[in-house]
N, C-alpha and C. Protein backbone atom coordinates (compact mmCIF):
# COMPACT_ATOMS: atom_id res chain seq x y z
N UNK A 1 55.21 63.69 200.27
CA UNK A 1 54.73 64.88 200.74
C UNK A 1 55.68 65.84 201.52
N UNK A 2 56.86 65.07 202.43
CA UNK A 2 57.62 66.10 203.06
C UNK A 2 58.14 66.83 202.00
N UNK A 3 58.42 66.88 200.87
CA UNK A 3 58.89 68.21 200.11
C UNK A 3 57.93 68.75 199.60
N UNK A 4 56.73 68.44 199.23
CA UNK A 4 55.85 69.22 199.28
C UNK A 4 55.28 70.20 199.73
N UNK A 5 55.21 69.51 201.20
CA UNK A 5 55.14 71.08 202.55
C UNK A 5 56.30 71.98 202.51
N UNK A 6 57.43 71.33 202.26
CA UNK A 6 58.50 72.44 202.50
C UNK A 6 58.56 73.31 201.05
N UNK A 7 57.88 73.02 199.45
CA UNK A 7 58.40 73.23 198.20
C UNK A 7 57.07 74.34 198.45
N UNK A 8 55.97 74.01 198.38
CA UNK A 8 54.59 74.82 198.57
C UNK A 8 53.78 75.36 200.05
N UNK A 9 54.54 76.37 200.34
CA UNK A 9 54.43 76.95 201.50
C UNK A 9 52.67 77.61 201.58
N UNK A 10 51.81 77.63 200.35
CA UNK A 10 50.42 77.78 200.57
C UNK A 10 49.73 76.29 200.76
N UNK A 11 50.38 75.76 200.27
CA UNK A 11 49.64 74.13 200.43
C UNK A 11 50.01 73.75 201.65
N UNK A 12 51.05 74.39 202.46
CA UNK A 12 51.57 74.12 203.57
C UNK A 12 51.02 74.21 204.91
N UNK A 13 50.49 75.53 204.70
CA UNK A 13 49.16 76.53 205.29
C UNK A 13 48.20 75.52 205.69
N UNK A 14 47.49 75.47 204.15
CA UNK A 14 46.11 75.06 204.09
C UNK A 14 46.18 73.11 205.03
N UNK A 15 47.46 72.52 204.48
CA UNK A 15 47.02 71.38 205.21
C UNK A 15 47.28 70.93 206.47
N UNK A 16 48.05 72.06 207.36
CA UNK A 16 48.29 72.13 208.39
C UNK A 16 46.92 72.72 209.21
N UNK A 17 46.27 73.73 208.45
CA UNK A 17 45.09 74.24 209.08
C UNK A 17 43.95 73.42 209.11
N UNK A 18 43.95 72.08 208.66
CA UNK A 18 43.28 71.15 208.17
C UNK A 18 43.44 70.09 209.30
N UNK A 19 45.06 69.87 209.57
CA UNK A 19 45.07 69.14 210.28
C UNK A 19 44.84 69.60 211.54
N UNK A 20 44.98 70.95 212.22
CA UNK A 20 44.61 71.39 213.51
C UNK A 20 43.10 71.34 213.52
N UNK A 21 42.40 71.72 212.78
CA UNK A 21 40.73 71.74 212.91
C UNK A 21 40.39 70.47 212.70
N UNK A 22 40.83 69.21 212.16
CA UNK A 22 40.26 67.94 212.36
C UNK A 22 41.05 67.41 213.62
N UNK A 23 41.82 67.60 214.60
CA UNK A 23 42.51 67.52 215.21
C UNK A 23 41.78 67.68 216.68
N UNK A 24 41.31 69.25 216.33
CA UNK A 24 40.19 69.91 217.26
C UNK A 24 38.78 69.20 217.25
N UNK A 25 38.68 68.48 216.34
CA UNK A 25 36.92 68.19 216.10
C UNK A 25 37.20 67.05 217.09
N UNK A 26 37.85 66.51 216.88
CA UNK A 26 38.27 64.68 217.53
C UNK A 26 38.67 64.84 219.06
N UNK A 27 39.11 65.69 219.61
CA UNK A 27 39.11 65.72 220.48
C UNK A 27 37.81 66.47 221.54
N UNK A 28 37.22 67.31 220.62
CA UNK A 28 36.09 67.59 221.33
C UNK A 28 35.01 66.50 221.10
N UNK A 29 35.10 65.38 220.08
CA UNK A 29 34.28 64.39 220.35
C UNK A 29 34.53 63.16 221.48
N UNK A 30 36.08 63.13 221.54
CA UNK A 30 36.13 62.22 222.78
C UNK A 30 35.90 62.88 224.38
N UNK A 31 36.10 64.39 224.19
CA UNK A 31 35.66 65.04 225.37
C UNK A 31 33.67 64.57 225.46
N UNK A 32 33.20 64.52 224.49
CA UNK A 32 31.78 64.32 224.78
C UNK A 32 31.27 62.85 224.65
N UNK A 33 32.34 62.25 224.55
CA UNK A 33 31.96 60.87 224.63
C UNK A 33 32.42 60.60 226.21
N UNK A 34 33.59 60.92 226.82
CA UNK A 34 34.02 60.67 227.54
C UNK A 34 33.52 61.57 229.05
N UNK A 35 32.65 62.28 228.51
CA UNK A 35 32.06 63.16 229.90
C UNK A 35 30.53 62.99 229.80
N UNK A 36 29.92 62.63 228.95
CA UNK A 36 28.47 62.59 228.48
C UNK A 36 27.90 61.79 227.90
N UNK A 37 26.99 61.40 228.61
CA UNK A 37 25.83 60.17 228.41
C UNK A 37 25.21 59.60 227.45
N UNK A 38 25.07 58.75 226.55
CA UNK A 38 24.76 58.32 225.52
C UNK A 38 23.39 59.09 224.94
N UNK A 39 22.92 59.04 226.12
CA UNK A 39 21.21 59.59 226.02
C UNK A 39 21.48 60.95 225.92
N UNK A 40 22.24 61.69 226.62
CA UNK A 40 22.25 63.18 226.09
C UNK A 40 22.88 63.39 224.75
N UNK A 41 23.96 62.96 224.55
CA UNK A 41 24.48 62.92 223.30
C UNK A 41 23.54 62.57 221.86
N UNK A 42 22.41 61.81 222.22
CA UNK A 42 21.14 61.34 221.09
C UNK A 42 20.38 62.24 221.24
N UNK A 43 20.35 62.98 222.30
CA UNK A 43 19.10 64.47 222.49
C UNK A 43 19.70 65.31 221.99
N UNK A 44 21.14 65.58 221.55
CA UNK A 44 21.72 66.96 221.13
C UNK A 44 21.73 66.26 219.33
N UNK A 45 21.55 65.42 219.18
CA UNK A 45 21.88 65.45 217.70
C UNK A 45 20.56 64.84 217.22
N UNK A 46 19.38 64.82 217.97
CA UNK A 46 17.93 64.76 217.45
C UNK A 46 17.69 66.46 217.64
N UNK A 47 18.09 67.15 218.27
CA UNK A 47 17.45 68.74 218.64
C UNK A 47 18.25 69.32 217.22
N UNK A 48 19.72 68.63 216.84
CA UNK A 48 20.46 69.31 215.18
C UNK A 48 19.76 69.07 213.86
N UNK A 49 19.42 67.79 214.45
CA UNK A 49 18.59 67.57 213.15
C UNK A 49 17.23 67.96 212.61
N UNK A 50 16.46 68.28 214.02
CA UNK A 50 15.11 69.14 214.04
C UNK A 50 15.25 70.40 213.27
N UNK A 51 16.70 71.09 213.82
CA UNK A 51 16.88 72.59 213.84
C UNK A 51 17.20 72.71 212.10
N UNK A 52 17.76 71.27 211.76
CA UNK A 52 18.19 71.44 210.46
C UNK A 52 17.15 71.35 209.37
N UNK A 53 15.83 70.44 209.79
CA UNK A 53 14.96 70.30 209.45
C UNK A 53 13.72 71.07 209.04
N UNK A 54 14.07 72.03 209.89
CA UNK A 54 12.95 72.91 210.15
C UNK A 54 12.50 73.96 208.82
N UNK A 55 11.81 74.14 208.70
CA UNK A 55 11.11 74.47 207.22
C UNK A 55 11.57 76.23 207.03
N UNK A 56 11.60 76.72 206.05
CA UNK A 56 12.19 78.14 206.25
C UNK A 56 11.19 78.72 204.97
N UNK A 57 10.93 80.37 205.29
CA UNK A 57 9.93 80.80 204.10
C UNK A 57 10.76 81.54 203.14
N UNK A 58 10.29 81.81 201.91
CA UNK A 58 10.91 82.97 200.58
C UNK A 58 9.98 82.93 199.76
N UNK A 59 9.96 83.87 199.47
CA UNK A 59 9.50 84.50 198.38
C UNK A 59 7.52 83.83 197.86
N UNK A 60 7.09 83.84 199.46
CA UNK A 60 5.71 82.96 198.99
C UNK A 60 5.51 81.43 199.26
N UNK A 61 6.90 80.93 199.65
CA UNK A 61 6.97 79.07 199.26
C UNK A 61 7.77 78.60 200.49
N UNK A 62 7.21 77.97 201.28
CA UNK A 62 7.76 77.21 202.34
C UNK A 62 8.64 76.07 201.75
N UNK A 63 10.23 76.38 202.23
CA UNK A 63 11.14 75.26 201.71
C UNK A 63 11.56 74.41 202.77
N UNK A 64 11.71 73.27 202.59
CA UNK A 64 12.08 72.38 203.46
C UNK A 64 13.27 71.80 203.10
N UNK A 65 14.36 71.35 203.53
CA UNK A 65 15.73 70.74 203.20
C UNK A 65 15.48 69.05 203.35
N UNK A 66 16.21 68.50 202.91
CA UNK A 66 16.48 67.19 203.05
C UNK A 66 14.97 66.89 202.52
N UNK A 67 14.31 66.83 201.65
CA UNK A 67 12.54 66.09 201.23
C UNK A 67 12.65 66.63 199.50
N UNK A 68 12.10 65.42 199.19
CA UNK A 68 11.72 65.24 197.84
C UNK A 68 10.04 65.52 197.43
N UNK A 69 9.86 65.56 196.36
CA UNK A 69 8.58 65.67 196.10
C UNK A 69 7.91 64.02 195.36
N UNK A 70 6.76 63.88 195.61
CA UNK A 70 6.12 63.13 195.17
C UNK A 70 4.66 63.77 194.30
N UNK A 71 4.84 63.87 193.57
CA UNK A 71 2.89 64.21 193.04
C UNK A 71 3.28 63.88 191.13
N UNK A 72 2.08 65.07 190.92
CA UNK A 72 1.53 65.57 189.68
C UNK A 72 3.18 66.37 188.94
N UNK A 73 3.57 65.97 187.89
CA UNK A 73 4.78 66.31 187.40
C UNK A 73 4.59 67.06 186.29
N UNK A 74 5.42 68.55 186.03
CA UNK A 74 4.88 69.77 185.24
C UNK A 74 6.50 69.28 184.07
N UNK A 75 7.48 69.83 184.89
CA UNK A 75 8.38 69.40 183.74
C UNK A 75 9.66 69.26 185.18
N UNK A 76 10.86 69.65 184.23
CA UNK A 76 12.59 69.25 184.78
C UNK A 76 13.21 70.06 184.31
N UNK A 77 14.32 70.62 184.42
CA UNK A 77 15.33 71.54 183.73
C UNK A 77 16.72 71.30 184.67
N UNK A 78 17.73 72.04 184.37
CA UNK A 78 18.84 72.27 185.03
C UNK A 78 19.28 73.63 185.33
N UNK A 79 19.18 74.01 186.57
CA UNK A 79 19.47 75.17 187.34
C UNK A 79 20.70 75.36 187.78
N UNK A 80 20.93 76.93 188.41
CA UNK A 80 23.18 76.68 189.16
C UNK A 80 22.46 76.73 190.22
N UNK A 81 20.99 76.75 191.07
CA UNK A 81 20.79 77.29 192.71
C UNK A 81 19.66 76.77 193.09
N UNK A 82 18.96 76.87 193.89
CA UNK A 82 17.96 76.37 194.59
C UNK A 82 16.90 77.55 194.06
N UNK A 83 17.58 78.63 194.52
CA UNK A 83 16.95 79.72 194.27
C UNK A 83 16.36 80.19 192.90
N UNK A 84 17.33 79.72 191.89
CA UNK A 84 16.79 79.55 190.52
C UNK A 84 15.68 78.62 190.35
N UNK A 85 15.47 77.76 190.90
CA UNK A 85 14.41 76.69 190.98
C UNK A 85 12.82 77.11 191.18
N UNK A 86 13.25 77.97 192.54
CA UNK A 86 12.20 78.43 193.25
C UNK A 86 11.73 79.61 192.14
N UNK A 87 12.52 80.56 191.29
CA UNK A 87 12.16 81.60 190.77
C UNK A 87 11.15 81.03 189.08
N UNK A 88 11.96 79.53 188.63
CA UNK A 88 11.48 78.48 187.83
C UNK A 88 10.18 78.44 188.27
N UNK A 89 9.50 78.03 189.38
CA UNK A 89 8.05 77.62 190.01
C UNK A 89 7.43 78.94 190.12
N UNK A 90 7.99 79.87 190.19
CA UNK A 90 6.95 81.07 190.65
C UNK A 90 6.39 81.59 189.23
N UNK A 91 7.31 81.40 188.34
CA UNK A 91 6.84 81.66 186.84
C UNK A 91 6.42 81.03 186.03
N UNK A 92 6.01 80.01 187.05
CA UNK A 92 4.72 78.91 186.24
C UNK A 92 3.73 78.77 186.70
N UNK A 93 2.65 79.59 186.81
CA UNK A 93 1.48 79.47 186.74
C UNK A 93 1.09 78.67 187.82
N UNK A 94 0.78 77.24 187.03
CA UNK A 94 -0.02 75.67 187.62
C UNK A 94 1.33 75.03 188.50
N UNK A 95 2.46 75.87 188.89
CA UNK A 95 3.61 75.18 189.55
C UNK A 95 3.15 75.15 191.39
N UNK A 96 2.70 74.63 191.56
CA UNK A 96 2.49 74.33 193.52
C UNK A 96 3.87 74.11 194.00
N UNK A 97 4.50 73.31 193.84
CA UNK A 97 5.96 72.65 194.51
C UNK A 97 7.12 72.34 193.51
N UNK A 98 8.08 72.46 193.83
CA UNK A 98 9.39 72.08 193.38
C UNK A 98 9.85 71.62 194.25
N UNK A 99 11.07 70.75 193.88
CA UNK A 99 12.53 70.16 193.91
C UNK A 99 13.89 69.93 193.35
N UNK A 100 14.85 70.97 194.41
CA UNK A 100 15.89 70.92 193.41
C UNK A 100 16.82 70.10 194.27
N UNK A 101 17.23 69.54 193.16
CA UNK A 101 18.35 67.63 193.66
C UNK A 101 19.80 69.15 193.93
N UNK A 102 20.68 68.53 195.01
CA UNK A 102 21.82 69.18 194.71
C UNK A 102 22.88 69.36 194.12
N UNK A 103 22.27 68.52 192.70
CA UNK A 103 23.87 68.60 191.89
C UNK A 103 23.07 69.59 190.20
N UNK A 104 21.62 70.21 190.83
CA UNK A 104 21.47 71.23 189.59
C UNK A 104 20.14 70.94 188.71
N UNK A 105 19.74 69.87 189.40
CA UNK A 105 18.24 69.38 188.79
C UNK A 105 16.93 69.94 189.79
N UNK A 106 16.07 70.85 188.62
CA UNK A 106 14.82 71.36 189.15
C UNK A 106 14.04 70.53 188.71
N UNK A 107 13.10 70.08 189.83
CA UNK A 107 11.41 69.30 188.78
C UNK A 107 10.05 70.77 189.48
N UNK A 108 9.70 70.68 188.84
CA UNK A 108 8.15 71.52 188.73
C UNK A 108 6.84 70.25 188.85
N UNK A 109 6.17 70.44 189.67
CA UNK A 109 5.10 69.65 190.28
C UNK A 109 3.68 71.05 190.31
N UNK A 110 2.79 70.36 190.15
CA UNK A 110 1.13 70.93 190.35
C UNK A 110 0.54 70.51 191.71
N UNK A 111 0.76 69.27 191.83
CA UNK A 111 0.73 68.76 193.05
C UNK A 111 1.20 67.40 193.48
N UNK A 112 1.05 67.50 194.93
CA UNK A 112 2.15 66.27 195.14
C UNK A 112 2.22 66.35 196.84
N UNK A 113 3.18 65.69 197.62
CA UNK A 113 3.25 65.64 198.89
C UNK A 113 4.92 65.49 198.98
N UNK A 114 5.95 65.90 200.43
CA UNK A 114 7.04 65.34 200.21
C UNK A 114 7.32 64.08 200.93
N UNK A 115 8.46 63.86 200.20
CA UNK A 115 9.20 62.50 201.16
C UNK A 115 10.72 62.88 201.63
N UNK A 116 10.90 62.06 202.66
CA UNK A 116 12.51 62.31 203.45
C UNK A 116 13.42 61.71 201.82
N UNK A 117 14.55 62.93 201.57
CA UNK A 117 15.52 61.91 200.73
C UNK A 117 16.50 63.40 201.29
N UNK A 118 17.49 62.99 201.33
CA UNK A 118 18.75 64.08 201.90
C UNK A 118 19.56 64.81 200.73
N UNK A 119 19.09 63.98 199.30
CA UNK A 119 19.62 64.45 198.17
C UNK A 119 18.62 65.68 197.61
N UNK A 120 17.91 66.02 198.19
CA UNK A 120 17.06 67.01 197.55
C UNK A 120 16.69 67.89 198.54
N UNK A 121 16.49 69.52 197.89
CA UNK A 121 15.50 70.28 198.95
C UNK A 121 14.45 70.73 198.37
N UNK A 122 13.34 70.84 198.93
CA UNK A 122 12.17 71.42 198.30
C UNK A 122 11.30 72.73 198.24
N UNK A 123 10.09 72.83 197.96
CA UNK A 123 9.33 73.75 198.64
C UNK A 123 8.02 73.46 197.83
N UNK A 124 6.67 74.40 198.76
CA UNK A 124 5.34 74.39 198.41
C UNK A 124 5.25 75.68 198.64
N UNK A 125 4.46 76.32 197.75
CA UNK A 125 3.72 77.47 198.12
C UNK A 125 2.40 77.51 199.12
N UNK A 126 2.84 78.37 199.96
CA UNK A 126 1.62 78.95 200.85
C UNK A 126 0.45 79.10 200.63
């Protein structure tokens, strides 16, 4: 490892930057645990999760992170992005919901409901 750090300057810079970043995060976590009560840390975590789960809007759809859909399935396909999945749903008149797996799976639904699933992002027509 030491030889690689000496022989590869680009790798050495990336490695050191990662180590310093990790060290900084560990220091911040330690300070947080020492000076903030567990209740305050929990409250901050709940606020952060609430912010991350907040629905957003795009092209007449309400988008929801970390949600899957249970409903009347129309079709499924492979796509490159959540936006491409949204466009497929917009282009399918009977599509009212879609679910995008964070690996490239796109599922279209005529009706249904959201359920919690950290692997998927979903959307519903407004």
